Amino acid sequence: MRGTTEPCGLGGIGKEIVGGKVVCNITSMYVSPSFRNMGIGSYLLSHLTSLAVTSFSATSIRCCLSLSQSVAAGLLEGGGFEPVEAFNEEEGAEVWLEKKLEEANTGVEGGGASGRSQAQQPSSGSNPKKRPAPAPDPSKWSTPNPLFDSMDTAELKKECVNRGLDVGGGRKKLIKRLKEDDAEGLF
């Protein structure tokens, strides 16, 4: 899509101090529909991970997702992220993932960019609401989309064409393709 001024995507990270070490959290990541399936999500994830190390000397980077974000989960797991215990109480979060980075620092003075001090960070055993990390179950990622379910085959094909997606297959395949494309927007 050379020559376009449309943004292809975005990503953001924040940092906090946990146990005297810098931990970065992926706060957002999005790929515009017309730029999906081009490796941009992988590039953004790699870049955010690199920034966590080079800009913040982070020892890990993490993210939380809902079960409807299967493409994001696959991208993160493919990038070396593993399920961990819940580290926040973010609304809608059902899966927590983390990637350990090179040991970048041995300790940090002061508070993190999130504005919370080390004492306010959840720690194991001290948070009664802490939930164990669920193992991601791909069969639970997809959620019904009433918009697609109410469309006829011609409307589904038109939506696929508008998104630059394949129009082959029956109604169920078209709905699945559109849901996957929606989920690829990431988080």
N, C-alpha and C. Protein backbone atom coordinates (compact mmCIF):
# COMPACT_ATOMS: atom_id res chain seq x y z
N MET A 1 0.83 -1.19 0.00
CA MET A 1 0.00 0.00 0.00
C MET A 1 0.87 1.25 0.00
N ARG A 2 1.88 1.26 -0.79
CA ARG A 2 2.75 2.43 -0.88
C ARG A 2 1.97 3.61 -1.41
N GLY A 3 2.35 4.78 -0.94
CA GLY A 3 1.71 5.99 -1.41
C GLY A 3 0.48 6.38 -0.61
N THR A 4 0.07 5.58 0.34
CA THR A 4 -1.09 5.91 1.15
C THR A 4 -0.66 6.68 2.39
N THR A 5 -1.55 7.50 2.90
CA THR A 5 -1.27 8.22 4.14
C THR A 5 -2.01 7.59 5.31
N GLU A 6 -2.70 6.49 5.05
CA GLU A 6 -3.43 5.78 6.11
C GLU A 6 -2.44 5.12 7.06
N PRO A 7 -2.62 5.31 8.38
CA PRO A 7 -1.74 4.63 9.33
C PRO A 7 -1.93 3.11 9.21
N CYS A 8 -0.83 2.37 9.29
CA CYS A 8 -0.94 0.91 9.17
C CYS A 8 -1.21 0.27 10.52
N GLY A 9 -0.82 0.89 11.60
CA GLY A 9 -1.05 0.32 12.91
C GLY A 9 -0.42 1.16 13.99
N LEU A 10 -0.58 0.70 15.23
CA LEU A 10 -0.01 1.41 16.37
C LEU A 10 0.25 0.42 17.48
N GLY A 11 1.08 0.82 18.39
CA GLY A 11 1.37 0.01 19.57
C GLY A 11 1.87 0.91 20.68
N GLY A 12 1.64 0.48 21.90
CA GLY A 12 2.09 1.27 23.04
C GLY A 12 2.48 0.38 24.20
N ILE A 13 3.45 0.85 24.98
CA ILE A 13 3.84 0.14 26.20
C ILE A 13 3.96 1.14 27.33
N GLY A 14 3.78 0.65 28.53
CA GLY A 14 4.00 1.43 29.74
C GLY A 14 4.91 0.62 30.64
N LYS A 15 5.49 1.27 31.63
CA LYS A 15 6.37 0.53 32.54
C LYS A 15 5.91 0.70 33.97
N GLU A 16 6.29 -0.26 34.78
CA GLU A 16 6.07 -0.18 36.22
C GLU A 16 7.18 -0.96 36.91
N ILE A 17 7.33 -0.73 38.19
CA ILE A 17 8.35 -1.41 38.97
C ILE A 17 7.67 -2.52 39.76
N VAL A 18 8.14 -3.73 39.58
CA VAL A 18 7.58 -4.89 40.28
C VAL A 18 8.75 -5.63 40.91
N GLY A 19 8.78 -5.73 42.22
CA GLY A 19 9.86 -6.44 42.90
C GLY A 19 11.21 -5.82 42.62
N GLY A 20 11.29 -4.50 42.44
CA GLY A 20 12.53 -3.81 42.19
C GLY A 20 13.01 -3.90 40.75
N LYS A 21 12.23 -4.47 39.87
CA LYS A 21 12.62 -4.60 38.46
C LYS A 21 11.60 -3.92 37.57
N VAL A 22 12.06 -3.46 36.40
CA VAL A 22 11.18 -2.80 35.44
C VAL A 22 10.44 -3.87 34.63
N VAL A 23 9.13 -3.73 34.59
CA VAL A 23 8.28 -4.60 33.79
C VAL A 23 7.49 -3.69 32.85
N CYS A 24 7.45 -4.04 31.58
CA CYS A 24 6.66 -3.26 30.62
C CYS A 24 5.37 -3.99 30.31
N ASN A 25 4.31 -3.23 30.13
CA ASN A 25 3.01 -3.76 29.77
C ASN A 25 2.63 -3.23 28.40
N ILE A 26 2.19 -4.13 27.52
CA ILE A 26 1.67 -3.69 26.23
C ILE A 26 0.29 -3.11 26.52
N THR A 27 0.14 -1.82 26.25
CA THR A 27 -1.11 -1.14 26.56
C THR A 27 -2.07 -1.13 25.38
N SER A 28 -1.50 -1.20 24.18
CA SER A 28 -2.35 -1.24 22.99
C SER A 28 -1.54 -1.74 21.80
N MET A 29 -2.25 -2.33 20.88
CA MET A 29 -1.64 -2.76 19.63
C MET A 29 -2.76 -2.97 18.63
N TYR A 30 -2.65 -2.34 17.48
CA TYR A 30 -3.71 -2.40 16.48
C TYR A 30 -3.10 -2.36 15.09
N VAL A 31 -3.66 -3.17 14.19
CA VAL A 31 -3.27 -3.13 12.78
C VAL A 31 -4.52 -2.79 11.97
N SER A 32 -4.42 -1.77 11.14
CA SER A 32 -5.53 -1.34 10.30
C SER A 32 -5.95 -2.48 9.36
N PRO A 33 -7.25 -2.67 9.14
CA PRO A 33 -7.71 -3.79 8.31
C PRO A 33 -7.04 -3.90 6.94
N SER A 34 -6.76 -2.78 6.29
CA SER A 34 -6.17 -2.86 4.96
C SER A 34 -4.69 -3.25 4.98
N PHE A 35 -4.10 -3.37 6.17
CA PHE A 35 -2.69 -3.75 6.29
C PHE A 35 -2.51 -5.09 7.00
N ARG A 36 -3.58 -5.80 7.25
CA ARG A 36 -3.48 -7.08 7.96
C ARG A 36 -2.91 -8.16 7.06
N ASN A 37 -2.39 -9.19 7.68
CA ASN A 37 -1.78 -10.33 7.00
C ASN A 37 -0.54 -9.93 6.20
N MET A 38 0.16 -8.91 6.66
CA MET A 38 1.39 -8.46 6.01
C MET A 38 2.59 -8.52 6.96
N GLY A 39 2.40 -9.08 8.15
CA GLY A 39 3.49 -9.17 9.12
C GLY A 39 3.65 -7.94 10.00
N ILE A 40 2.72 -7.00 9.90
CA ILE A 40 2.85 -5.76 10.67
C ILE A 40 2.64 -6.02 12.16
N GLY A 41 1.72 -6.91 12.52
CA GLY A 41 1.51 -7.24 13.93
C GLY A 41 2.78 -7.83 14.54
N SER A 42 3.44 -8.72 13.81
CA SER A 42 4.70 -9.30 14.29
C SER A 42 5.77 -8.23 14.42
N TYR A 43 5.83 -7.33 13.45
CA TYR A 43 6.80 -6.24 13.51
C TYR A 43 6.55 -5.36 14.74
N LEU A 44 5.28 -4.97 14.95
CA LEU A 44 4.96 -4.13 16.10
C LEU A 44 5.34 -4.81 17.41
N LEU A 45 5.02 -6.10 17.53
CA LEU A 45 5.35 -6.83 18.75
C LEU A 45 6.86 -6.86 18.96
N SER A 46 7.60 -7.13 17.91
CA SER A 46 9.06 -7.15 18.00
C SER A 46 9.61 -5.78 18.40
N HIS A 47 9.05 -4.74 17.81
CA HIS A 47 9.50 -3.39 18.12
C HIS A 47 9.17 -3.00 19.56
N LEU A 48 7.98 -3.32 20.02
CA LEU A 48 7.61 -3.01 21.40
C LEU A 48 8.51 -3.76 22.38
N THR A 49 8.82 -5.02 22.06
CA THR A 49 9.71 -5.81 22.92
C THR A 49 11.10 -5.18 22.94
N SER A 50 11.58 -4.76 21.79
CA SER A 50 12.88 -4.12 21.71
C SER A 50 12.90 -2.81 22.51
N LEU A 51 11.84 -2.02 22.40
CA LEU A 51 11.75 -0.77 23.16
C LEU A 51 11.76 -1.04 24.67
N ALA A 52 11.09 -2.12 25.09
CA ALA A 52 11.05 -2.46 26.51
C ALA A 52 12.47 -2.64 27.05
N VAL A 53 13.33 -3.27 26.24
CA VAL A 53 14.71 -3.51 26.66
C VAL A 53 15.56 -2.25 26.51
N THR A 54 15.55 -1.64 25.32
CA THR A 54 16.47 -0.54 25.04
C THR A 54 16.07 0.78 25.71
N SER A 55 14.77 1.05 25.83
CA SER A 55 14.34 2.32 26.42
C SER A 55 14.06 2.25 27.91
N PHE A 56 13.67 1.07 28.39
CA PHE A 56 13.27 0.97 29.79
C PHE A 56 14.09 -0.04 30.60
N SER A 57 15.00 -0.77 29.96
CA SER A 57 15.79 -1.82 30.63
C SER A 57 14.87 -2.82 31.35
N ALA A 58 13.77 -3.16 30.71
CA ALA A 58 12.80 -4.07 31.31
C ALA A 58 13.32 -5.50 31.35
N THR A 59 12.88 -6.23 32.38
CA THR A 59 13.24 -7.65 32.50
C THR A 59 12.15 -8.55 31.96
N SER A 60 10.97 -7.98 31.74
CA SER A 60 9.89 -8.74 31.12
C SER A 60 8.90 -7.78 30.48
N ILE A 61 8.10 -8.34 29.57
CA ILE A 61 7.03 -7.58 28.92
C ILE A 61 5.79 -8.46 28.98
N ARG A 62 4.64 -7.86 29.23
CA ARG A 62 3.45 -8.67 29.42
C ARG A 62 2.21 -7.98 28.85
N CYS A 63 1.13 -8.76 28.81
CA CYS A 63 -0.11 -8.28 28.20
C CYS A 63 -1.26 -9.12 28.73
N CYS A 64 -2.43 -8.54 28.78
CA CYS A 64 -3.62 -9.32 29.11
C CYS A 64 -4.62 -9.20 27.96
N LEU A 65 -5.40 -10.27 27.77
CA LEU A 65 -6.34 -10.35 26.66
C LEU A 65 -7.65 -10.95 27.11
N SER A 66 -8.66 -10.78 26.28
CA SER A 66 -9.91 -11.52 26.47
C SER A 66 -9.83 -12.77 25.59
N LEU A 67 -10.69 -13.71 25.84
CA LEU A 67 -10.69 -14.95 25.05
C LEU A 67 -11.09 -14.71 23.60
N SER A 68 -11.69 -13.57 23.29
CA SER A 68 -12.10 -13.29 21.91
C SER A 68 -10.93 -12.83 21.04
N GLN A 69 -9.76 -12.64 21.62
CA GLN A 69 -8.61 -12.11 20.88
C GLN A 69 -7.64 -13.24 20.50
N SER A 70 -8.14 -14.19 19.72
CA SER A 70 -7.35 -15.37 19.37
C SER A 70 -6.15 -15.04 18.51
N VAL A 71 -6.29 -14.10 17.59
CA VAL A 71 -5.16 -13.76 16.73
C VAL A 71 -4.06 -13.10 17.56
N ALA A 72 -4.45 -12.21 18.45
CA ALA A 72 -3.46 -11.56 19.32
C ALA A 72 -2.77 -12.60 20.20
N ALA A 73 -3.54 -13.54 20.75
CA ALA A 73 -2.94 -14.59 21.60
C ALA A 73 -1.94 -15.43 20.81
N GLY A 74 -2.31 -15.79 19.59
CA GLY A 74 -1.41 -16.57 18.75
C GLY A 74 -0.14 -15.81 18.43
N LEU A 75 -0.28 -14.52 18.15
CA LEU A 75 0.87 -13.67 17.86
C LEU A 75 1.79 -13.60 19.07
N LEU A 76 1.22 -13.37 20.25
CA LEU A 76 2.02 -13.28 21.47
C LEU A 76 2.70 -14.60 21.80
N GLU A 77 1.95 -15.69 21.72
CA GLU A 77 2.53 -17.00 22.02
C GLU A 77 3.63 -17.34 21.02
N GLY A 78 3.44 -16.99 19.75
CA GLY A 78 4.47 -17.20 18.74
C GLY A 78 5.70 -16.34 18.99
N GLY A 79 5.52 -15.23 19.70
CA GLY A 79 6.62 -14.32 20.02
C GLY A 79 7.29 -14.65 21.34
N GLY A 80 6.97 -15.81 21.91
CA GLY A 80 7.64 -16.24 23.14
C GLY A 80 6.93 -15.90 24.43
N PHE A 81 5.73 -15.38 24.36
CA PHE A 81 4.96 -15.08 25.57
C PHE A 81 4.34 -16.37 26.09
N GLU A 82 4.26 -16.47 27.43
CA GLU A 82 3.69 -17.65 28.06
C GLU A 82 2.63 -17.24 29.06
N PRO A 83 1.62 -18.09 29.29
CA PRO A 83 0.59 -17.77 30.28
C PRO A 83 1.19 -17.64 31.68
N VAL A 84 0.70 -16.65 32.43
CA VAL A 84 1.13 -16.41 33.81
C VAL A 84 -0.11 -16.14 34.65
N GLU A 85 0.10 -16.05 35.97
CA GLU A 85 -0.99 -15.69 36.87
C GLU A 85 -1.45 -14.27 36.55
N ALA A 86 -2.69 -13.99 36.88
CA ALA A 86 -3.24 -12.65 36.67
C ALA A 86 -2.37 -11.62 37.39
N PHE A 87 -1.98 -10.56 36.69
CA PHE A 87 -1.16 -9.52 37.30
C PHE A 87 -1.90 -8.20 37.43
N ASN A 88 -3.16 -8.19 37.01
CA ASN A 88 -3.98 -6.99 37.19
C ASN A 88 -5.44 -7.41 37.21
N GLU A 89 -6.30 -6.45 37.38
CA GLU A 89 -7.74 -6.72 37.39
C GLU A 89 -8.40 -5.97 36.25
N GLU A 90 -7.73 -5.90 35.12
CA GLU A 90 -8.24 -5.21 33.94
C GLU A 90 -9.60 -5.78 33.53
N GLU A 91 -10.55 -4.90 33.30
CA GLU A 91 -11.88 -5.34 32.89
C GLU A 91 -11.80 -6.10 31.57
N GLY A 92 -12.40 -7.26 31.51
CA GLY A 92 -12.42 -8.07 30.30
C GLY A 92 -11.23 -8.99 30.13
N ALA A 93 -10.21 -8.83 30.98
CA ALA A 93 -9.03 -9.69 30.86
C ALA A 93 -9.36 -11.10 31.33
N GLU A 94 -8.98 -12.08 30.51
CA GLU A 94 -9.21 -13.49 30.85
C GLU A 94 -7.95 -14.33 30.71
N VAL A 95 -6.95 -13.78 30.04
CA VAL A 95 -5.68 -14.48 29.82
C VAL A 95 -4.56 -13.46 30.04
N TRP A 96 -3.54 -13.85 30.80
CA TRP A 96 -2.39 -13.00 31.05
C TRP A 96 -1.15 -13.69 30.51
N LEU A 97 -0.36 -12.96 29.73
CA LEU A 97 0.83 -13.53 29.08
C LEU A 97 2.04 -12.66 29.40
N GLU A 98 3.20 -13.30 29.46
CA GLU A 98 4.43 -12.57 29.77
C GLU A 98 5.61 -13.20 29.04
N LYS A 99 6.57 -12.36 28.67
CA LYS A 99 7.80 -12.84 28.06
C LYS A 99 8.96 -12.30 28.89
N LYS A 100 9.81 -13.20 29.35
CA LYS A 100 11.00 -12.79 30.09
C LYS A 100 12.02 -12.26 29.08
N LEU A 101 12.65 -11.15 29.43
CA LEU A 101 13.66 -10.53 28.57
C LEU A 101 15.03 -10.72 29.20
N GLU A 102 16.06 -10.37 28.47
CA GLU A 102 17.42 -10.44 29.03
C GLU A 102 17.44 -9.67 30.34
N GLU A 103 18.17 -10.18 31.30
CA GLU A 103 18.30 -9.48 32.58
C GLU A 103 18.94 -8.13 32.31
N ALA A 104 18.11 -7.08 32.30
CA ALA A 104 18.59 -5.77 31.90
C ALA A 104 19.04 -4.91 33.07
N ASN A 105 18.52 -5.20 34.25
CA ASN A 105 18.92 -4.40 35.40
C ASN A 105 18.75 -5.22 36.67
N THR A 106 19.41 -4.81 37.70
CA THR A 106 19.34 -5.55 38.96
C THR A 106 18.41 -4.90 39.94
N GLY A 107 18.01 -3.71 39.69
CA GLY A 107 17.09 -3.02 40.60
C GLY A 107 16.86 -1.62 40.10
N VAL A 108 15.77 -1.01 40.55
CA VAL A 108 15.42 0.32 40.10
C VAL A 108 14.91 1.10 41.28
N GLU A 109 15.34 2.32 41.39
CA GLU A 109 14.86 3.20 42.45
C GLU A 109 13.57 3.87 41.99
N GLY A 110 12.70 4.17 42.91
CA GLY A 110 11.52 4.97 42.60
C GLY A 110 10.39 4.18 41.99
N GLY A 111 9.37 4.92 41.50
CA GLY A 111 8.17 4.30 40.95
C GLY A 111 8.22 4.22 39.45
N GLY A 112 7.29 3.47 38.88
CA GLY A 112 7.24 3.28 37.44
C GLY A 112 6.42 4.35 36.77
N ALA A 113 6.37 4.29 35.45
CA ALA A 113 5.63 5.28 34.67
C ALA A 113 4.14 5.19 34.92
N SER A 114 3.70 4.06 35.45
CA SER A 114 2.26 3.92 35.70
C SER A 114 1.82 4.77 36.88
N GLY A 115 2.78 5.31 37.64
CA GLY A 115 2.42 6.14 38.79
C GLY A 115 2.15 5.33 40.04
N ARG A 116 2.31 4.02 39.98
CA ARG A 116 2.10 3.20 41.17
C ARG A 116 3.45 2.86 41.76
N SER A 117 3.52 2.86 43.06
CA SER A 117 4.78 2.52 43.70
C SER A 117 4.92 1.01 43.78
N GLN A 118 6.12 0.57 44.09
CA GLN A 118 6.38 -0.86 44.19
C GLN A 118 5.46 -1.51 45.22
N ALA A 119 5.18 -0.83 46.30
CA ALA A 119 4.34 -1.41 47.35
C ALA A 119 2.92 -1.65 46.87
N GLN A 120 2.48 -0.94 45.83
CA GLN A 120 1.12 -1.11 45.34
C GLN A 120 1.01 -2.21 44.30
N GLN A 121 2.12 -2.79 43.89
CA GLN A 121 2.08 -3.83 42.88
C GLN A 121 1.56 -5.13 43.48
N PRO A 122 0.77 -5.90 42.70
CA PRO A 122 0.34 -7.19 43.20
C PRO A 122 1.56 -8.10 43.34
N SER A 123 1.58 -8.88 44.39
CA SER A 123 2.65 -9.86 44.56
C SER A 123 2.04 -11.19 44.94
N SER A 124 2.74 -12.28 44.67
CA SER A 124 2.12 -13.56 44.91
C SER A 124 1.87 -13.78 46.38
N GLY A 125 0.70 -14.28 46.65
CA GLY A 125 0.29 -14.55 48.01
C GLY A 125 -0.36 -13.37 48.69
N SER A 126 -0.16 -12.14 48.21
CA SER A 126 -0.71 -10.99 48.90
C SER A 126 -2.02 -10.52 48.29
N ASN A 127 -2.43 -11.05 47.16
CA ASN A 127 -3.65 -10.61 46.50
C ASN A 127 -4.65 -11.75 46.50
N PRO A 128 -5.67 -11.68 47.37
CA PRO A 128 -6.63 -12.78 47.45
C PRO A 128 -7.43 -12.96 46.17
N LYS A 129 -7.50 -11.93 45.31
CA LYS A 129 -8.26 -12.05 44.06
C LYS A 129 -7.41 -12.60 42.93
N LYS A 130 -6.14 -12.87 43.18
CA LYS A 130 -5.25 -13.36 42.13
C LYS A 130 -5.77 -14.69 41.62
N ARG A 131 -5.88 -14.79 40.31
CA ARG A 131 -6.40 -16.01 39.70
C ARG A 131 -5.26 -16.75 39.02
N PRO A 132 -5.33 -18.07 38.99
CA PRO A 132 -4.29 -18.79 38.25
C PRO A 132 -4.44 -18.52 36.76
N ALA A 133 -3.34 -18.60 36.05
CA ALA A 133 -3.36 -18.36 34.62
C ALA A 133 -4.06 -19.50 33.91
N PRO A 134 -5.12 -19.20 33.14
CA PRO A 134 -5.76 -20.28 32.39
C PRO A 134 -4.90 -20.65 31.19
N ALA A 135 -4.89 -21.91 30.88
CA ALA A 135 -4.21 -22.34 29.66
C ALA A 135 -5.08 -21.90 28.49
N PRO A 136 -4.53 -21.18 27.52
CA PRO A 136 -5.34 -20.75 26.38
C PRO A 136 -5.96 -21.94 25.67
N ASP A 137 -7.25 -21.86 25.42
CA ASP A 137 -7.99 -22.91 24.74
C ASP A 137 -8.56 -22.33 23.46
N PRO A 138 -7.92 -22.64 22.31
CA PRO A 138 -8.36 -22.04 21.04
C PRO A 138 -9.83 -22.26 20.73
N SER A 139 -10.45 -23.31 21.26
CA SER A 139 -11.86 -23.56 20.95
C SER A 139 -12.76 -22.51 21.59
N LYS A 140 -12.23 -21.76 22.57
CA LYS A 140 -13.04 -20.74 23.24
C LYS A 140 -12.78 -19.34 22.72
N TRP A 141 -11.85 -19.17 21.79
CA TRP A 141 -11.51 -17.83 21.35
C TRP A 141 -12.64 -17.15 20.58
N SER A 142 -13.32 -17.86 19.74
CA SER A 142 -14.30 -17.23 18.87
C SER A 142 -15.58 -16.93 19.62
N THR A 143 -16.08 -15.73 19.45
CA THR A 143 -17.36 -15.36 20.05
C THR A 143 -18.32 -14.98 18.93
N PRO A 144 -19.62 -15.23 19.13
CA PRO A 144 -20.58 -14.91 18.07
C PRO A 144 -20.61 -13.42 17.77
N ASN A 145 -20.70 -13.08 16.52
CA ASN A 145 -20.83 -11.70 16.11
C ASN A 145 -22.21 -11.55 15.48
N PRO A 146 -23.15 -10.93 16.19
CA PRO A 146 -24.51 -10.84 15.68
C PRO A 146 -24.59 -10.13 14.33
N LEU A 147 -23.67 -9.22 14.06
CA LEU A 147 -23.68 -8.53 12.79
C LEU A 147 -23.47 -9.52 11.65
N PHE A 148 -22.42 -10.36 11.74
CA PHE A 148 -22.15 -11.33 10.68
C PHE A 148 -23.23 -12.40 10.63
N ASP A 149 -23.70 -12.83 11.79
CA ASP A 149 -24.70 -13.89 11.83
C ASP A 149 -26.02 -13.46 11.18
N SER A 150 -26.29 -12.16 11.15
CA SER A 150 -27.55 -11.68 10.57
C SER A 150 -27.41 -11.35 9.08
N MET A 151 -26.19 -11.42 8.54
CA MET A 151 -25.97 -11.08 7.13
C MET A 151 -26.19 -12.30 6.24
N ASP A 152 -26.72 -12.08 5.03
CA ASP A 152 -26.84 -13.19 4.08
C ASP A 152 -25.50 -13.36 3.36
N THR A 153 -25.39 -14.41 2.56
CA THR A 153 -24.13 -14.75 1.90
C THR A 153 -23.62 -13.62 1.01
N ALA A 154 -24.51 -12.97 0.27
CA ALA A 154 -24.10 -11.87 -0.62
C ALA A 154 -23.51 -10.71 0.19
N GLU A 155 -24.14 -10.39 1.33
CA GLU A 155 -23.62 -9.32 2.18
C GLU A 155 -22.27 -9.69 2.78
N LEU A 156 -22.13 -10.96 3.17
CA LEU A 156 -20.86 -11.43 3.72
C LEU A 156 -19.75 -11.33 2.68
N LYS A 157 -20.05 -11.73 1.44
CA LYS A 157 -19.06 -11.65 0.37
C LYS A 157 -18.68 -10.20 0.10
N LYS A 158 -19.67 -9.30 0.10
CA LYS A 158 -19.38 -7.88 -0.12
C LYS A 158 -18.46 -7.35 0.98
N GLU A 159 -18.71 -7.75 2.22
CA GLU A 159 -17.85 -7.32 3.33
C GLU A 159 -16.44 -7.87 3.17
N CYS A 160 -16.33 -9.12 2.72
CA CYS A 160 -15.01 -9.71 2.46
C CYS A 160 -14.27 -8.94 1.38
N VAL A 161 -14.97 -8.59 0.30
CA VAL A 161 -14.36 -7.81 -0.79
C VAL A 161 -13.88 -6.47 -0.25
N ASN A 162 -14.70 -5.80 0.55
CA ASN A 162 -14.34 -4.50 1.12
C ASN A 162 -13.08 -4.58 1.98
N ARG A 163 -12.85 -5.74 2.59
CA ARG A 163 -11.69 -5.93 3.47
C ARG A 163 -10.51 -6.57 2.74
N GLY A 164 -10.69 -6.88 1.47
CA GLY A 164 -9.62 -7.51 0.71
C GLY A 164 -9.42 -8.98 1.06
N LEU A 165 -10.49 -9.63 1.52
CA LEU A 165 -10.42 -11.03 1.91
C LEU A 165 -10.96 -11.93 0.80
N ASP A 166 -10.58 -13.19 0.85
CA ASP A 166 -11.06 -14.20 -0.09
C ASP A 166 -12.58 -14.34 0.07
N VAL A 167 -13.29 -14.49 -1.04
CA VAL A 167 -14.75 -14.63 -1.00
C VAL A 167 -15.18 -16.06 -1.27
N GLY A 168 -14.23 -16.99 -1.34
CA GLY A 168 -14.56 -18.39 -1.59
C GLY A 168 -15.15 -19.07 -0.36
N GLY A 169 -15.92 -20.11 -0.61
CA GLY A 169 -16.49 -20.90 0.48
C GLY A 169 -17.91 -20.50 0.79
N GLY A 170 -18.50 -21.28 1.65
CA GLY A 170 -19.88 -21.05 2.05
C GLY A 170 -20.01 -20.00 3.14
N ARG A 171 -21.23 -19.83 3.61
CA ARG A 171 -21.56 -18.82 4.60
C ARG A 171 -20.73 -18.96 5.87
N LYS A 172 -20.61 -20.21 6.38
CA LYS A 172 -19.85 -20.43 7.62
C LYS A 172 -18.39 -20.03 7.46
N LYS A 173 -17.79 -20.36 6.31
CA LYS A 173 -16.40 -19.99 6.07
C LYS A 173 -16.24 -18.48 5.97
N LEU A 174 -17.20 -17.81 5.34
CA LEU A 174 -17.14 -16.35 5.22
C LEU A 174 -17.22 -15.69 6.60
N ILE A 175 -18.14 -16.18 7.43
CA ILE A 175 -18.28 -15.64 8.79
C ILE A 175 -16.99 -15.86 9.56
N LYS A 176 -16.43 -17.06 9.47
CA LYS A 176 -15.19 -17.37 10.18
C LYS A 176 -14.07 -16.44 9.72
N ARG A 177 -13.95 -16.23 8.42
CA ARG A 177 -12.91 -15.36 7.86
C ARG A 177 -13.06 -13.93 8.38
N LEU A 178 -14.30 -13.43 8.41
CA LEU A 178 -14.54 -12.07 8.89
C LEU A 178 -14.25 -11.94 10.38
N LYS A 179 -14.62 -12.95 11.15
CA LYS A 179 -14.33 -12.92 12.59
C LYS A 179 -12.83 -12.94 12.84
N GLU A 180 -12.11 -13.74 12.07
CA GLU A 180 -10.65 -13.78 12.21
C GLU A 180 -10.04 -12.44 11.84
N ASP A 181 -10.59 -11.80 10.81
CA ASP A 181 -10.09 -10.51 10.40
C ASP A 181 -10.36 -9.46 11.49
N ASP A 182 -11.56 -9.52 12.10
CA ASP A 182 -11.87 -8.62 13.21
C ASP A 182 -10.91 -8.84 14.37
N ALA A 183 -10.66 -10.10 14.70
CA ALA A 183 -9.79 -10.41 15.84
C ALA A 183 -8.36 -9.98 15.59
N GLU A 184 -7.96 -9.94 14.31
CA GLU A 184 -6.57 -9.58 13.99
C GLU A 184 -6.26 -8.13 14.30
N GLY A 185 -7.28 -7.33 14.56
CA GLY A 185 -7.04 -5.96 14.96
C GLY A 185 -6.20 -5.89 16.22
N LEU A 186 -6.09 -7.01 16.89
CA LEU A 186 -5.27 -7.22 18.08
C LEU A 186 -5.93 -6.64 19.30
N PHE A 187 -5.27 -5.78 20.06
CA PHE A 187 -5.81 -5.34 21.33
C PHE A 187 -5.55 -3.88 21.55
